[in-house]
Protein backbone atom coordinates (compact mmCIF):
# COMPACT_ATOMS: atom_id res chain seq x y z
CA LEU A 1 43.42 73.53 -161.47
CA PHE A 2 43.94 74.34 -165.15
CA LYS A 3 46.72 76.82 -164.39
CA LYS A 4 48.63 74.27 -162.31
CA CYS A 5 48.52 71.72 -165.12
CA LEU A 6 49.43 74.15 -167.88
CA PHE A 7 52.24 75.97 -166.07
CA PRO A 8 53.82 73.59 -163.57
CA GLN A 9 56.94 75.75 -163.19
CA ASP A 10 57.27 79.38 -162.24
CA TYR A 11 59.71 81.74 -163.94
CA LYS A 12 62.45 81.26 -161.35
CA GLY A 13 61.96 77.50 -161.61
CA GLN A 14 62.31 77.67 -165.38
CA LYS A 15 65.54 79.62 -164.99
CA LEU A 16 66.87 77.08 -162.48
CA ALA A 17 65.93 74.18 -164.77
CA GLU A 18 67.70 75.85 -167.71
CA GLN A 19 70.85 76.44 -165.63
CA ILE A 20 70.89 72.84 -164.39
CA PHE A 21 70.32 71.52 -167.93
CA GLN A 22 73.13 73.61 -169.43
CA GLY A 23 75.51 72.85 -166.55
CA ILE A 24 75.08 69.10 -166.81
CA ILE A 25 75.45 69.16 -170.60
CA LEU A 26 78.61 71.29 -170.35
CA VAL A 27 80.20 69.14 -167.64
CA SER A 28 79.38 65.90 -169.43
CA ALA A 29 80.76 67.28 -172.70
CA VAL A 30 84.06 68.27 -171.06
CA ILE A 31 84.37 64.96 -169.21
CA GLY A 32 83.41 63.03 -172.34
CA PHE A 33 85.92 64.90 -174.48
CA ILE A 34 88.76 64.38 -171.99
CA TYR A 35 87.95 60.68 -171.48
CA GLY A 36 87.52 60.12 -175.21
CA TYR A 37 90.84 61.87 -175.90
CA ILE A 38 92.69 59.80 -173.30
CA THR A 39 91.25 56.49 -174.51
CA GLU A 40 91.33 57.59 -178.16
CA GLN A 41 87.74 56.43 -178.56
CA PHE A 42 85.25 58.99 -179.87
CA GLY A 43 82.42 56.61 -179.03
CA TRP A 44 83.01 57.11 -175.30
CA THR A 45 82.67 60.86 -175.78
CA VAL A 46 79.30 60.36 -177.43
CA TYR A 47 78.12 57.92 -174.74
CA ILE A 48 79.10 60.25 -171.90
CA VAL A 49 77.40 63.25 -173.52
CA MET A 50 74.27 61.17 -174.15
CA ALA A 51 74.27 60.03 -170.51
CA GLY A 52 74.59 63.67 -169.41
CA PHE A 53 71.70 64.60 -171.68
CA ALA A 54 69.55 61.80 -170.23
CA LEU A 55 70.42 62.84 -166.67
CA SER A 56 69.65 66.49 -167.37
CA CYS A 57 66.30 65.53 -168.95
CA LEU A 58 65.45 63.43 -165.90
CA LEU A 59 66.24 66.34 -163.58
CA THR A 60 64.65 69.18 -165.53
CA LEU A 61 61.67 67.94 -167.54
CA PRO A 62 59.34 66.63 -164.79
CA PRO A 63 57.65 69.33 -162.70
CA TRP A 64 59.66 68.71 -159.53
CA PRO A 65 58.65 70.73 -156.42
CA MET A 66 61.94 72.66 -156.48
CA TYR A 67 60.74 74.36 -159.69
CA ARG A 68 57.43 75.46 -158.13
CA ARG A 69 58.62 77.40 -155.09
CA ASN A 70 57.57 80.84 -156.39
CA PRO A 71 54.02 80.45 -157.73
CA LEU A 72 52.64 83.00 -160.15
CA LYS A 73 49.99 85.39 -158.89
CA TRP A 74 47.17 85.40 -161.41
CA LEU A 75 44.73 88.25 -161.90
CA PRO A 76 41.11 87.53 -160.97
CA VAL A 77 38.75 86.53 -163.77
CA GLN A 78 36.82 89.49 -165.22
CA ASP A 79 33.35 89.38 -166.68
CA SER A 80 33.52 89.63 -170.47
CA GLY A 81 30.41 91.87 -170.59
CA THR A 82 32.20 94.74 -168.86
CA GLU A 83 34.95 94.71 -171.51
CA GLU A 84 32.39 95.20 -174.29
CA LYS A 85 30.75 98.05 -172.36
CA LYS A 86 34.06 99.82 -171.78
CA ALA A 87 34.99 99.54 -175.44
CA ALA A 88 31.62 100.98 -176.50
CA ASP A 89 31.90 103.89 -174.03
CA ARG A 90 35.22 105.05 -175.41
CA LYS A 91 35.16 107.70 -178.07
CA PRO A 92 37.56 107.39 -180.98
CA LYS A 93 40.42 109.87 -180.83
CA ARG A 94 40.57 112.49 -183.51
CA HIS A 95 43.96 113.38 -184.80
CA SER A 96 44.65 117.04 -185.34
CA LYS A 97 46.00 118.03 -188.70
CA SER A 98 49.34 119.76 -188.55
């Protein structure tokens, strides 16, 4: 349960979200620049880019199911007592002098 809340997207989902985010921002910037140039109003450029940013946030920030198609395979939980035993059993390495 904790892992699902902490990491709602897998790595492929994160990559897809990043590509969608950058694509929408790029397209809205180009459209905004062209429209602002034609109308000679820089304000329209800003509004269109801000609308693209809002749309990209709406599509990429929530943990939509399309970003969770490849779930991560977690290792099983290990007992912490065995780690302490293994560390105590190891002998320190001695370095040979050259």
